[in-house]
Amino acid sequence: MAKRKNKNKSGGFFWKILFVAALAVFCFSGYQLFAIYRGYKAGVDEYKEVEHQVTRTSREPLVLKDQPDTGQTLTAQENIQEPDYQPPEVDFEELKSMNPDVIGWLDVEALDISYPIVQGKDNDYYLHRTFKGQENFAGSIFADAANAPDFSDPNTIIYGHNMKNGSMFGTLRRLYDQEKYKDSKYLWICTPEGKYRYEIFSLQYAEVTSDTYTLFSDHGDAFASYLENMRQRSQVELGTEDLSENDYIVTLSTCTSDDQVRFVVQARWVGTY
């Protein structure tokens, strides 16, 4: 009888230890989830504060300042709809006082994406730092460090995290998954020099080593071939047939559940307002 009691006691002690260990794991996981949520919220709150401070809705009509010279008799502009959308009016003097690394403001018509664009000395600094330089997993919307800061390169690459709470580029894939491109195929990059309007011509999934991420020092045949390849790789037909070596494009890139694959949105410049 004594042996059986000792056996029961040892068994009970084992289950107590197991319960305490499971409880510790549960509490630690809960704390980690809370820390992640708190970090997400801090990032969202910061950007909402920045947006509130430096942007306003303009009531002034948009005036076309410049448009592409495609070198074609029938220009691409003849197929471009005039904007009925008002991108934000941005106080860049105030914005640059917060962070001199800012180079523009991105606004996607069909989505709730409206953020400052920064550019660091490398592509790591803003990967997990907010616009104000606070360490946060959400990071920033940032341009490739190798690009010209005035969007004058043939292809300017802009990165952003696919955040589960929908912030940053968390809703970017809805352009394809939920066919939001049907609502609008246009996005804007506002700068101190003007508001650049872009027309989306490609929605694709690309491997991280793909030539989708090719940067070009000038326009030419290689860039023209690249544009046609990107158009053909689009997951949907967007009706763009007249891409030119003289075009300027932006490539928006965000992560997916596969570490080796990114979702990419590419759009060409169609006018400055």
Protein backbone atom coordinates (compact mmCIF):
# COMPACT_ATOMS: atom_id res chain seq x y z
CA MET A 1 0.00 0.00 0.00
CA ALA A 2 2.83 2.41 0.85
CA LYS A 3 4.43 1.86 -2.54
CA ARG A 4 1.14 2.61 -4.33
CA LYS A 5 0.71 5.86 -2.37
CA ASN A 6 4.23 6.97 -3.25
CA LYS A 7 3.54 6.14 -6.88
CA ASN A 8 0.36 8.25 -6.84
CA LYS A 9 2.20 11.12 -5.22
CA SER A 10 4.96 11.08 -7.82
CA GLY A 11 2.37 10.93 -10.62
CA GLY A 12 0.50 13.89 -9.17
CA PHE A 13 3.71 15.88 -8.83
CA PHE A 14 4.52 15.22 -12.54
CA TRP A 15 1.15 16.58 -13.67
CA LYS A 16 1.54 19.63 -11.46
CA ILE A 17 4.93 20.38 -13.05
CA LEU A 18 3.44 19.85 -16.52
CA PHE A 19 0.54 22.19 -15.72
CA VAL A 20 2.88 24.90 -14.40
CA ALA A 21 5.08 24.59 -17.49
CA ALA A 22 2.06 24.81 -19.82
CA LEU A 23 0.77 27.82 -17.90
CA ALA A 24 4.17 29.51 -18.18
CA VAL A 25 4.25 28.90 -21.94
CA PHE A 26 0.68 30.25 -22.26
CA CYS A 27 1.51 33.38 -20.27
CA PHE A 28 4.72 33.97 -22.23
CA SER A 29 2.89 33.54 -25.56
CA GLY A 30 0.17 35.89 -24.36
CA TYR A 31 2.77 38.47 -23.39
CA GLN A 32 4.44 38.16 -26.81
CA LEU A 33 1.10 38.62 -28.59
CA PHE A 34 0.36 41.65 -26.42
CA ALA A 35 3.80 43.11 -27.18
CA ILE A 36 3.24 42.58 -30.91
CA TYR A 37 -0.22 44.18 -30.73
CA ARG A 38 1.17 47.09 -28.74
CA GLY A 39 3.92 47.55 -31.32
CA TYR A 40 1.42 47.46 -34.18
CA LYS A 41 -0.79 49.99 -32.44
CA ALA A 42 2.13 52.29 -31.71
CA GLY A 43 3.11 52.24 -35.37
CA VAL A 44 -0.44 52.90 -36.56
CA ASP A 45 -0.92 55.70 -34.04
CA GLU A 46 2.32 57.37 -35.11
CA TYR A 47 1.37 57.39 -38.78
CA LYS A 48 -2.13 58.64 -38.06
CA GLU A 49 -0.61 61.49 -36.05
CA VAL A 50 1.83 62.34 -38.86
CA GLU A 51 -0.95 62.21 -41.47
CA HIS A 52 -3.15 64.46 -39.36
CA GLN A 53 -0.33 66.99 -38.90
CA VAL A 54 0.94 67.29 -42.46
CA THR A 55 -1.90 66.42 -44.86
CA ARG A 56 -5.18 68.02 -45.78
CA THR A 57 -7.80 67.49 -48.46
CA SER A 58 -7.31 69.97 -51.26
CA ARG A 59 -10.33 71.64 -52.86
CA GLU A 60 -8.28 73.17 -55.64
CA PRO A 61 -8.75 71.56 -59.08
CA LEU A 62 -5.83 69.49 -60.34
CA VAL A 63 -3.84 71.16 -63.11
CA LEU A 64 -1.72 69.02 -65.46
CA LYS A 65 1.87 70.30 -65.42
CA ASP A 66 3.69 67.61 -67.39
CA GLN A 67 3.06 64.30 -69.13
CA PRO A 68 5.22 61.58 -70.70
CA ASP A 69 6.86 61.98 -74.07
CA THR A 70 6.36 58.47 -75.42
CA GLY A 71 7.78 59.23 -78.84
CA GLN A 72 4.65 57.77 -80.44
CA THR A 73 2.21 59.45 -82.81
CA LEU A 74 -0.69 58.29 -80.65
CA THR A 75 0.49 58.93 -77.11
CA ALA A 76 -0.41 56.85 -74.11
CA GLN A 77 -2.16 59.91 -72.70
CA GLU A 78 -5.05 59.54 -75.14
CA ASN A 79 -6.11 56.40 -73.28
CA ILE A 80 -5.61 57.85 -69.79
CA GLN A 81 -8.70 59.01 -67.90
CA GLU A 82 -8.55 62.44 -66.35
CA PRO A 83 -8.42 62.19 -62.54
CA ASP A 84 -11.60 62.56 -60.51
CA TYR A 85 -9.65 61.80 -57.33
CA GLN A 86 -7.93 64.27 -55.04
CA PRO A 87 -4.59 63.10 -53.60
CA PRO A 88 -3.67 64.71 -50.27
CA GLU A 89 -2.10 68.13 -49.97
CA VAL A 90 1.14 67.53 -48.05
CA ASP A 91 3.08 70.06 -45.99
CA PHE A 92 6.55 68.84 -46.92
CA GLU A 93 8.31 71.53 -44.92
CA GLU A 94 6.66 70.22 -41.75
CA LEU A 95 7.18 66.61 -42.83
CA LYS A 96 10.90 67.12 -43.50
CA SER A 97 11.29 68.79 -40.13
CA MET A 98 10.16 65.49 -38.61
CA ASN A 99 12.44 63.41 -40.81
CA PRO A 100 14.77 64.77 -43.51
CA ASP A 101 14.84 61.31 -45.15
CA VAL A 102 11.32 61.80 -46.52
CA ILE A 103 11.16 61.90 -50.34
CA GLY A 104 7.43 61.73 -51.03
CA TRP A 105 3.97 60.65 -49.98
CA LEU A 106 2.30 57.53 -51.43
CA ASP A 107 -1.48 57.41 -51.90
CA VAL A 108 -3.25 54.43 -53.54
CA GLU A 109 -6.71 55.34 -54.81
CA ALA A 110 -8.43 51.95 -54.39
CA LEU A 111 -6.95 51.16 -50.97
CA ASP A 112 -6.47 52.68 -47.54
CA ILE A 113 -2.76 53.23 -48.20
CA SER A 114 -1.52 56.76 -47.57
CA TYR A 115 1.97 57.04 -46.09
CA PRO A 116 5.17 59.06 -46.27
CA ILE A 117 7.99 57.51 -48.30
CA VAL A 118 11.47 57.60 -46.81
CA GLN A 119 14.85 56.59 -48.18
CA GLY A 120 17.76 55.45 -46.03
CA LYS A 121 21.44 54.97 -46.77
CA ASP A 122 20.74 51.24 -47.05
CA ASN A 123 17.68 48.99 -47.28
CA ASP A 124 17.94 47.80 -43.67
CA TYR A 125 17.51 50.96 -41.62
CA TYR A 126 13.79 51.51 -42.24
CA LEU A 127 12.95 47.82 -42.45
CA HIS A 128 11.98 47.83 -38.78
CA ARG A 129 11.95 51.55 -37.95
CA THR A 130 8.99 53.86 -38.23
CA PHE A 131 8.97 57.22 -39.97
CA LYS A 132 10.14 58.85 -36.74
CA GLY A 133 12.93 56.32 -36.28
CA GLN A 134 11.26 54.26 -33.55
CA GLU A 135 12.12 50.55 -33.56
CA ASN A 136 8.97 48.74 -34.65
CA PHE A 137 8.36 45.59 -36.69
CA ALA A 138 5.99 47.53 -38.95
CA GLY A 139 8.90 49.56 -40.31
CA SER A 140 8.29 52.23 -42.96
CA ILE A 141 7.35 52.58 -46.59
CA PHE A 142 10.80 53.17 -48.11
CA ALA A 143 12.43 53.52 -51.52
CA ASP A 144 15.39 51.42 -52.55
CA ALA A 145 18.61 53.06 -51.36
CA ALA A 146 20.08 52.78 -54.87
CA ASN A 147 17.29 54.82 -56.46
CA ALA A 148 17.39 58.55 -57.16
CA PRO A 149 15.33 60.31 -54.45
CA ASP A 150 13.33 62.36 -56.99
CA PHE A 151 11.74 59.35 -58.77
CA SER A 152 13.67 60.16 -61.94
CA ASP A 153 15.00 56.61 -62.43
CA PRO A 154 13.27 54.42 -65.02
CA ASN A 155 12.25 52.04 -62.21
CA THR A 156 11.88 53.17 -58.59
CA ILE A 157 11.32 50.33 -56.12
CA ILE A 158 9.27 50.99 -52.98
CA TYR A 159 9.08 48.45 -50.14
CA GLY A 160 6.57 47.98 -47.33
CA HIS A 161 5.63 45.24 -44.87
CA ASN A 162 2.50 43.14 -45.36
CA MET A 163 1.15 43.84 -41.88
CA LYS A 164 -1.58 41.55 -40.51
CA ASN A 165 -3.44 44.53 -39.05
CA GLY A 166 -3.77 46.03 -42.54
CA SER A 167 -1.31 48.88 -42.00
CA MET A 168 1.60 49.71 -44.32
CA PHE A 169 1.25 47.40 -47.37
CA GLY A 170 -1.08 45.03 -45.49
CA THR A 171 -3.91 45.63 -47.97
CA LEU A 172 -1.83 45.84 -51.15
CA ARG A 173 -2.75 42.32 -52.32
CA ARG A 174 -6.42 43.27 -52.31
CA LEU A 175 -5.78 44.91 -55.66
CA TYR A 176 -5.55 41.35 -57.00
CA ASP A 177 -7.20 39.07 -54.41
CA GLN A 178 -10.34 41.22 -54.11
CA GLU A 179 -10.08 42.76 -57.60
CA LYS A 180 -9.80 46.26 -56.15
CA TYR A 181 -7.97 47.27 -59.32
CA LYS A 182 -11.44 47.44 -60.86
CA ASP A 183 -12.23 50.34 -58.52
CA SER A 184 -9.16 52.27 -59.66
CA LYS A 185 -5.90 51.52 -61.46
CA TYR A 186 -4.19 54.68 -60.25
CA LEU A 187 -1.86 55.66 -57.44
CA TRP A 188 -0.12 58.93 -56.57
CA ILE A 189 3.26 59.98 -55.29
CA CYS A 190 3.16 63.51 -53.95
CA THR A 191 6.44 65.43 -53.77
CA PRO A 192 7.40 69.07 -53.21
CA GLU A 193 7.71 69.38 -57.01
CA GLY A 194 4.25 68.07 -57.83
CA LYS A 195 1.77 65.22 -57.59
CA TYR A 196 2.87 62.31 -59.79
CA ARG A 197 0.05 60.14 -61.08
CA TYR A 198 0.72 56.50 -62.00
CA GLU A 199 -1.37 53.89 -63.83
CA ILE A 200 -1.06 50.28 -62.65
CA PHE A 201 -0.03 47.92 -65.46
CA SER A 202 1.11 44.78 -63.62
CA LEU A 203 0.04 42.79 -60.56
CA GLN A 204 2.30 39.80 -60.03
CA TYR A 205 3.95 37.42 -57.59
CA ALA A 206 7.72 37.50 -57.96
CA GLU A 207 10.57 35.58 -56.37
CA VAL A 208 12.97 37.69 -54.31
CA THR A 209 15.74 36.98 -56.83
CA SER A 210 13.52 37.84 -59.81
CA ASP A 211 14.54 40.33 -62.49
CA THR A 212 11.41 42.23 -61.43
CA TYR A 213 13.77 44.05 -59.06
CA THR A 214 16.08 45.28 -61.81
CA LEU A 215 17.17 48.91 -61.58
CA PHE A 216 18.07 50.87 -64.71
CA SER A 217 20.48 53.76 -65.06
CA ASP A 218 18.83 55.00 -68.26
CA HIS A 219 16.04 54.36 -70.74
CA GLY A 220 16.60 52.15 -73.76
CA ASP A 221 15.89 48.82 -75.39
CA ALA A 222 16.67 46.83 -72.25
CA PHE A 223 14.15 48.83 -70.26
CA ALA A 224 11.54 48.49 -73.04
CA SER A 225 11.97 44.69 -72.99
CA TYR A 226 11.72 44.69 -69.20
CA LEU A 227 8.43 46.61 -69.30
CA GLU A 228 6.91 44.18 -71.80
CA ASN A 229 8.00 41.22 -69.65
CA MET A 230 6.44 42.79 -66.57
CA ARG A 231 3.21 43.49 -68.43
CA GLN A 232 3.00 39.87 -69.59
CA ARG A 233 3.66 38.56 -66.08
CA SER A 234 0.67 40.38 -64.65
CA GLN A 235 -1.85 38.06 -62.99
CA VAL A 236 -4.67 40.02 -64.64
CA GLU A 237 -5.03 41.82 -67.95
CA LEU A 238 -5.02 45.55 -67.20
CA GLY A 239 -5.39 46.75 -70.78
CA THR A 240 -1.97 48.39 -71.06
CA GLU A 241 -0.53 47.97 -74.54
CA ASP A 242 1.54 51.09 -75.17
CA LEU A 243 4.40 50.92 -72.68
CA SER A 244 7.46 52.79 -73.92
CA GLU A 245 11.19 52.86 -73.21
CA ASN A 246 10.61 56.51 -72.24
CA ASP A 247 8.27 55.56 -69.40
CA TYR A 248 8.98 56.00 -65.70
CA ILE A 249 7.58 53.37 -63.35
CA VAL A 250 7.32 52.54 -59.67
CA THR A 251 7.44 49.00 -58.31
CA LEU A 252 5.65 48.45 -54.98
CA SER A 253 6.79 45.29 -53.21
CA THR A 254 5.54 43.49 -50.11
CA CYS A 255 6.12 40.09 -48.50
CA THR A 256 3.83 37.04 -48.58
CA SER A 257 3.52 33.91 -46.46
CA ASP A 258 6.34 32.45 -48.60
CA ASP A 259 9.70 33.98 -47.63
CA GLN A 260 10.94 33.61 -51.20
CA VAL A 261 7.97 35.29 -52.91
CA ARG A 262 6.78 38.89 -52.97
CA PHE A 263 3.60 40.52 -54.23
CA VAL A 264 4.39 43.31 -56.65
CA VAL A 265 2.38 46.21 -58.07
CA GLN A 266 3.90 48.15 -60.95
CA ALA A 267 2.60 51.44 -62.31
CA ARG A 268 3.80 53.91 -64.94
CA TRP A 269 3.87 57.67 -64.64
CA VAL A 270 1.08 59.31 -66.66
CA GLY A 271 1.28 62.92 -65.56
CA THR A 272 2.33 65.49 -62.98
CA TYR A 273 -0.25 67.79 -61.42
